[in-house]
Amino acid sequence: PNVVPYLLARSTHRIYLDGVLVGTVTDEDAVAVPAQSRVERRHALVLAGPAAERALAAAATTGRAAYRVDSVILIRLYGDETDKSTLASAGTVTVTGQ
């Protein structure tokens, strides 16, 4: 968990399944993240086109996929001063269709 509180001014997340960019999630709304805590948000995934649809269908067929999330977050430091940070996470996820 984070040691200090953060105020995120903006965040963008690129989602990959099995190495294929599936889409992007962007959060334009500021959000406070308290120290030793987390915040959950829900936003729509903007699909990256036909290749993304094929990757999602393939993952749903096999029931799992390797994922990677590349994030760029804009942290509000003081007043209008911000700092950009990049984060990455990867692993395996179970995929089911609706």
N, C-alpha and C. Protein backbone atom coordinates (compact mmCIF):
# COMPACT_ATOMS: atom_id res chain seq x y z
N PRO A 1 0.82 -1.21 0.00
CA PRO A 1 0.00 0.00 0.00
C PRO A 1 0.86 1.27 0.00
N ASN A 2 0.26 2.34 -0.43
CA ASN A 2 0.94 3.62 -0.44
C ASN A 2 1.21 4.11 0.98
N VAL A 3 2.37 4.68 1.19
CA VAL A 3 2.78 5.14 2.52
C VAL A 3 2.20 6.52 2.82
N VAL A 4 2.08 7.36 1.80
CA VAL A 4 1.55 8.71 1.97
C VAL A 4 0.28 8.87 1.14
N PRO A 5 -0.57 9.85 1.48
CA PRO A 5 -1.76 10.08 0.66
C PRO A 5 -1.39 10.72 -0.69
N TYR A 6 -2.20 10.47 -1.69
CA TYR A 6 -2.00 11.06 -3.02
C TYR A 6 -3.27 11.71 -3.48
N LEU A 7 -3.12 12.76 -4.29
CA LEU A 7 -4.25 13.33 -5.01
C LEU A 7 -3.94 13.14 -6.48
N LEU A 8 -4.68 12.26 -7.12
CA LEU A 8 -4.47 11.99 -8.54
C LEU A 8 -5.31 12.96 -9.35
N ALA A 9 -4.67 13.71 -10.23
CA ALA A 9 -5.38 14.68 -11.06
C ALA A 9 -5.97 14.00 -12.29
N ARG A 10 -5.29 12.96 -12.79
CA ARG A 10 -5.72 12.28 -14.01
C ARG A 10 -4.97 10.96 -14.11
N SER A 11 -5.59 9.98 -14.74
CA SER A 11 -4.88 8.72 -14.99
C SER A 11 -5.35 8.10 -16.30
N THR A 12 -4.41 7.46 -16.98
CA THR A 12 -4.69 6.75 -18.22
C THR A 12 -4.08 5.36 -18.12
N HIS A 13 -4.85 4.37 -18.51
CA HIS A 13 -4.41 2.98 -18.37
C HIS A 13 -4.59 2.26 -19.71
N ARG A 14 -3.53 1.67 -20.22
CA ARG A 14 -3.58 0.88 -21.45
C ARG A 14 -3.58 -0.60 -21.04
N ILE A 15 -4.60 -1.34 -21.50
CA ILE A 15 -4.81 -2.72 -21.11
C ILE A 15 -4.43 -3.65 -22.27
N TYR A 16 -3.57 -4.62 -21.98
CA TYR A 16 -3.13 -5.59 -22.99
C TYR A 16 -3.53 -6.99 -22.55
N LEU A 17 -3.98 -7.81 -23.48
CA LEU A 17 -4.22 -9.23 -23.26
C LEU A 17 -3.37 -10.00 -24.25
N ASP A 18 -2.58 -10.93 -23.75
CA ASP A 18 -1.70 -11.73 -24.59
C ASP A 18 -0.90 -10.88 -25.56
N GLY A 19 -0.42 -9.73 -25.08
CA GLY A 19 0.43 -8.85 -25.87
C GLY A 19 -0.29 -7.93 -26.84
N VAL A 20 -1.61 -8.00 -26.89
CA VAL A 20 -2.40 -7.17 -27.82
C VAL A 20 -3.08 -6.05 -27.03
N LEU A 21 -2.93 -4.81 -27.50
CA LEU A 21 -3.63 -3.69 -26.85
C LEU A 21 -5.12 -3.89 -27.04
N VAL A 22 -5.85 -4.04 -25.92
CA VAL A 22 -7.29 -4.24 -26.00
C VAL A 22 -8.02 -2.90 -25.91
N GLY A 23 -7.48 -1.97 -25.14
CA GLY A 23 -8.14 -0.69 -25.03
C GLY A 23 -7.51 0.19 -23.96
N THR A 24 -8.15 1.33 -23.80
CA THR A 24 -7.65 2.36 -22.88
C THR A 24 -8.77 2.81 -21.95
N VAL A 25 -8.40 3.06 -20.71
CA VAL A 25 -9.32 3.64 -19.72
C VAL A 25 -8.70 4.95 -19.26
N THR A 26 -9.48 6.02 -19.30
CA THR A 26 -9.00 7.32 -18.87
C THR A 26 -9.92 7.87 -17.79
N ASP A 27 -9.32 8.35 -16.70
CA ASP A 27 -10.07 8.97 -15.60
C ASP A 27 -9.65 10.42 -15.51
N GLU A 28 -10.55 11.31 -15.89
CA GLU A 28 -10.27 12.74 -15.90
C GLU A 28 -10.61 13.41 -14.57
N ASP A 29 -11.27 12.67 -13.67
CA ASP A 29 -11.72 13.25 -12.40
C ASP A 29 -10.66 13.05 -11.32
N ALA A 30 -10.39 14.09 -10.57
CA ALA A 30 -9.44 14.00 -9.47
C ALA A 30 -9.96 13.03 -8.41
N VAL A 31 -9.03 12.31 -7.79
CA VAL A 31 -9.42 11.38 -6.74
C VAL A 31 -8.33 11.37 -5.67
N ALA A 32 -8.75 11.40 -4.42
CA ALA A 32 -7.83 11.34 -3.29
C ALA A 32 -7.66 9.88 -2.87
N VAL A 33 -6.40 9.49 -2.66
CA VAL A 33 -6.08 8.14 -2.19
C VAL A 33 -5.44 8.29 -0.81
N PRO A 34 -6.15 7.94 0.25
CA PRO A 34 -5.59 8.07 1.60
C PRO A 34 -4.38 7.16 1.81
N ALA A 35 -3.53 7.51 2.75
CA ALA A 35 -2.37 6.68 3.08
C ALA A 35 -2.84 5.30 3.52
N GLN A 36 -2.05 4.29 3.19
CA GLN A 36 -2.33 2.90 3.56
C GLN A 36 -3.72 2.46 3.12
N SER A 37 -4.12 2.90 1.93
CA SER A 37 -5.47 2.61 1.47
C SER A 37 -5.48 2.46 -0.04
N ARG A 38 -6.66 2.27 -0.59
CA ARG A 38 -6.85 2.21 -2.03
C ARG A 38 -8.22 2.77 -2.36
N VAL A 39 -8.41 3.10 -3.62
CA VAL A 39 -9.67 3.63 -4.09
C VAL A 39 -10.05 2.86 -5.36
N GLU A 40 -11.29 2.44 -5.43
CA GLU A 40 -11.76 1.73 -6.62
C GLU A 40 -12.66 2.63 -7.43
N ARG A 41 -12.46 2.62 -8.74
CA ARG A 41 -13.27 3.42 -9.67
C ARG A 41 -13.69 2.52 -10.82
N ARG A 42 -14.76 2.87 -11.50
CA ARG A 42 -15.22 2.14 -12.68
C ARG A 42 -15.32 3.10 -13.85
N HIS A 43 -14.73 2.70 -14.96
CA HIS A 43 -14.80 3.49 -16.18
C HIS A 43 -14.90 2.56 -17.37
N ALA A 44 -15.43 3.05 -18.46
CA ALA A 44 -15.58 2.25 -19.67
C ALA A 44 -14.23 2.05 -20.35
N LEU A 45 -14.05 0.86 -20.87
CA LEU A 45 -12.86 0.53 -21.67
C LEU A 45 -13.15 0.94 -23.10
N VAL A 46 -12.31 1.79 -23.67
CA VAL A 46 -12.44 2.18 -25.07
C VAL A 46 -11.62 1.19 -25.88
N LEU A 47 -12.31 0.35 -26.66
CA LEU A 47 -11.64 -0.71 -27.41
C LEU A 47 -10.70 -0.15 -28.45
N ALA A 48 -9.62 -0.89 -28.70
CA ALA A 48 -8.57 -0.45 -29.62
C ALA A 48 -8.79 -0.94 -31.05
N GLY A 49 -9.97 -1.46 -31.38
CA GLY A 49 -10.25 -1.86 -32.75
C GLY A 49 -10.44 -3.36 -32.91
N PRO A 50 -10.45 -3.82 -34.18
CA PRO A 50 -10.71 -5.23 -34.49
C PRO A 50 -9.73 -6.20 -33.83
N ALA A 51 -8.47 -5.85 -33.74
CA ALA A 51 -7.49 -6.73 -33.10
C ALA A 51 -7.84 -6.93 -31.62
N ALA A 52 -8.34 -5.89 -31.00
CA ALA A 52 -8.75 -5.97 -29.59
C ALA A 52 -9.93 -6.92 -29.44
N GLU A 53 -10.88 -6.82 -30.34
CA GLU A 53 -12.05 -7.70 -30.29
C GLU A 53 -11.64 -9.15 -30.48
N ARG A 54 -10.70 -9.40 -31.39
CA ARG A 54 -10.20 -10.77 -31.60
C ARG A 54 -9.47 -11.29 -30.36
N ALA A 55 -8.67 -10.43 -29.73
CA ALA A 55 -7.94 -10.83 -28.52
C ALA A 55 -8.90 -11.15 -27.38
N LEU A 56 -9.94 -10.35 -27.23
CA LEU A 56 -10.94 -10.61 -26.19
C LEU A 56 -11.69 -11.92 -26.46
N ALA A 57 -12.06 -12.16 -27.71
CA ALA A 57 -12.77 -13.39 -28.07
C ALA A 57 -11.88 -14.61 -27.81
N ALA A 58 -10.60 -14.51 -28.18
CA ALA A 58 -9.68 -15.63 -27.97
C ALA A 58 -9.51 -15.90 -26.48
N ALA A 59 -9.39 -14.84 -25.68
CA ALA A 59 -9.23 -15.00 -24.23
C ALA A 59 -10.48 -15.62 -23.61
N ALA A 60 -11.65 -15.22 -24.09
CA ALA A 60 -12.90 -15.78 -23.57
C ALA A 60 -13.02 -17.26 -23.93
N THR A 61 -12.51 -17.63 -25.09
CA THR A 61 -12.55 -19.03 -25.53
C THR A 61 -11.65 -19.90 -24.67
N THR A 62 -10.44 -19.42 -24.39
CA THR A 62 -9.49 -20.21 -23.60
C THR A 62 -9.76 -20.09 -22.10
N GLY A 63 -10.43 -19.01 -21.69
CA GLY A 63 -10.77 -18.83 -20.28
C GLY A 63 -9.71 -18.14 -19.44
N ARG A 64 -8.58 -17.79 -20.06
CA ARG A 64 -7.54 -17.06 -19.33
C ARG A 64 -6.63 -16.36 -20.33
N ALA A 65 -5.90 -15.37 -19.83
CA ALA A 65 -4.98 -14.63 -20.68
C ALA A 65 -3.91 -13.96 -19.82
N ALA A 66 -2.78 -13.74 -20.44
CA ALA A 66 -1.75 -12.92 -19.79
C ALA A 66 -2.17 -11.47 -19.98
N TYR A 67 -2.04 -10.67 -18.93
CA TYR A 67 -2.41 -9.26 -19.05
C TYR A 67 -1.24 -8.37 -18.68
N ARG A 68 -1.30 -7.15 -19.17
CA ARG A 68 -0.37 -6.10 -18.77
C ARG A 68 -1.16 -4.80 -18.73
N VAL A 69 -0.93 -4.02 -17.71
CA VAL A 69 -1.55 -2.69 -17.60
C VAL A 69 -0.43 -1.68 -17.48
N ASP A 70 -0.38 -0.76 -18.43
CA ASP A 70 0.58 0.35 -18.39
C ASP A 70 -0.19 1.61 -18.04
N SER A 71 0.17 2.24 -16.94
CA SER A 71 -0.57 3.41 -16.45
C SER A 71 0.32 4.64 -16.41
N VAL A 72 -0.29 5.77 -16.71
CA VAL A 72 0.35 7.07 -16.54
C VAL A 72 -0.56 7.84 -15.60
N ILE A 73 -0.01 8.25 -14.46
CA ILE A 73 -0.81 9.00 -13.50
C ILE A 73 -0.22 10.39 -13.31
N LEU A 74 -1.09 11.35 -13.17
CA LEU A 74 -0.68 12.73 -12.91
C LEU A 74 -1.03 13.02 -11.46
N ILE A 75 0.00 13.19 -10.63
CA ILE A 75 -0.17 13.40 -9.19
C ILE A 75 -0.12 14.90 -8.91
N ARG A 76 -1.14 15.40 -8.23
CA ARG A 76 -1.16 16.81 -7.85
C ARG A 76 -0.31 16.97 -6.60
N LEU A 77 0.74 17.80 -6.70
CA LEU A 77 1.65 18.00 -5.58
C LEU A 77 1.23 19.16 -4.69
N TYR A 78 1.05 20.32 -5.31
CA TYR A 78 0.70 21.52 -4.55
C TYR A 78 0.13 22.53 -5.53
N GLY A 79 -1.07 23.03 -5.25
CA GLY A 79 -1.70 23.99 -6.15
C GLY A 79 -1.86 23.37 -7.53
N ASP A 80 -1.30 24.02 -8.55
CA ASP A 80 -1.37 23.50 -9.92
C ASP A 80 -0.14 22.67 -10.29
N GLU A 81 0.79 22.50 -9.35
CA GLU A 81 2.01 21.75 -9.64
C GLU A 81 1.71 20.24 -9.61
N THR A 82 2.14 19.54 -10.68
CA THR A 82 1.88 18.11 -10.78
C THR A 82 3.17 17.36 -11.13
N ASP A 83 3.11 16.06 -10.97
CA ASP A 83 4.22 15.19 -11.33
C ASP A 83 3.64 13.98 -12.05
N LYS A 84 4.24 13.61 -13.18
CA LYS A 84 3.77 12.46 -13.95
C LYS A 84 4.56 11.23 -13.54
N SER A 85 3.86 10.12 -13.36
CA SER A 85 4.50 8.88 -12.98
C SER A 85 3.95 7.76 -13.84
N THR A 86 4.79 6.78 -14.16
CA THR A 86 4.34 5.63 -14.93
C THR A 86 4.39 4.38 -14.04
N LEU A 87 3.42 3.52 -14.22
CA LEU A 87 3.31 2.29 -13.46
C LEU A 87 3.01 1.15 -14.43
N ALA A 88 3.44 -0.05 -14.09
CA ALA A 88 3.13 -1.21 -14.92
C ALA A 88 2.82 -2.39 -14.00
N SER A 89 1.92 -3.23 -14.47
CA SER A 89 1.56 -4.44 -13.74
C SER A 89 1.26 -5.52 -14.76
N ALA A 90 1.59 -6.76 -14.41
CA ALA A 90 1.34 -7.86 -15.34
C ALA A 90 1.02 -9.12 -14.56
N GLY A 91 0.38 -10.05 -15.22
CA GLY A 91 0.04 -11.32 -14.60
C GLY A 91 -0.86 -12.13 -15.51
N THR A 92 -1.65 -12.99 -14.90
CA THR A 92 -2.60 -13.81 -15.63
C THR A 92 -3.98 -13.57 -15.06
N VAL A 93 -4.98 -13.53 -15.92
CA VAL A 93 -6.34 -13.25 -15.49
C VAL A 93 -7.29 -14.28 -16.08
N THR A 94 -8.32 -14.64 -15.32
CA THR A 94 -9.39 -15.50 -15.81
C THR A 94 -10.33 -14.65 -16.63
N VAL A 95 -10.74 -15.14 -17.79
CA VAL A 95 -11.62 -14.37 -18.69
C VAL A 95 -12.89 -15.17 -18.93
N THR A 96 -14.03 -14.54 -18.72
CA THR A 96 -15.33 -15.18 -19.01
C THR A 96 -16.15 -14.24 -19.88
N GLY A 97 -17.02 -14.80 -20.69
CA GLY A 97 -17.90 -13.99 -21.56
C GLY A 97 -19.26 -13.86 -20.94
N GLN A 98 -19.99 -12.87 -21.39
CA GLN A 98 -21.35 -12.65 -20.90
C GLN A 98 -22.34 -12.91 -22.01
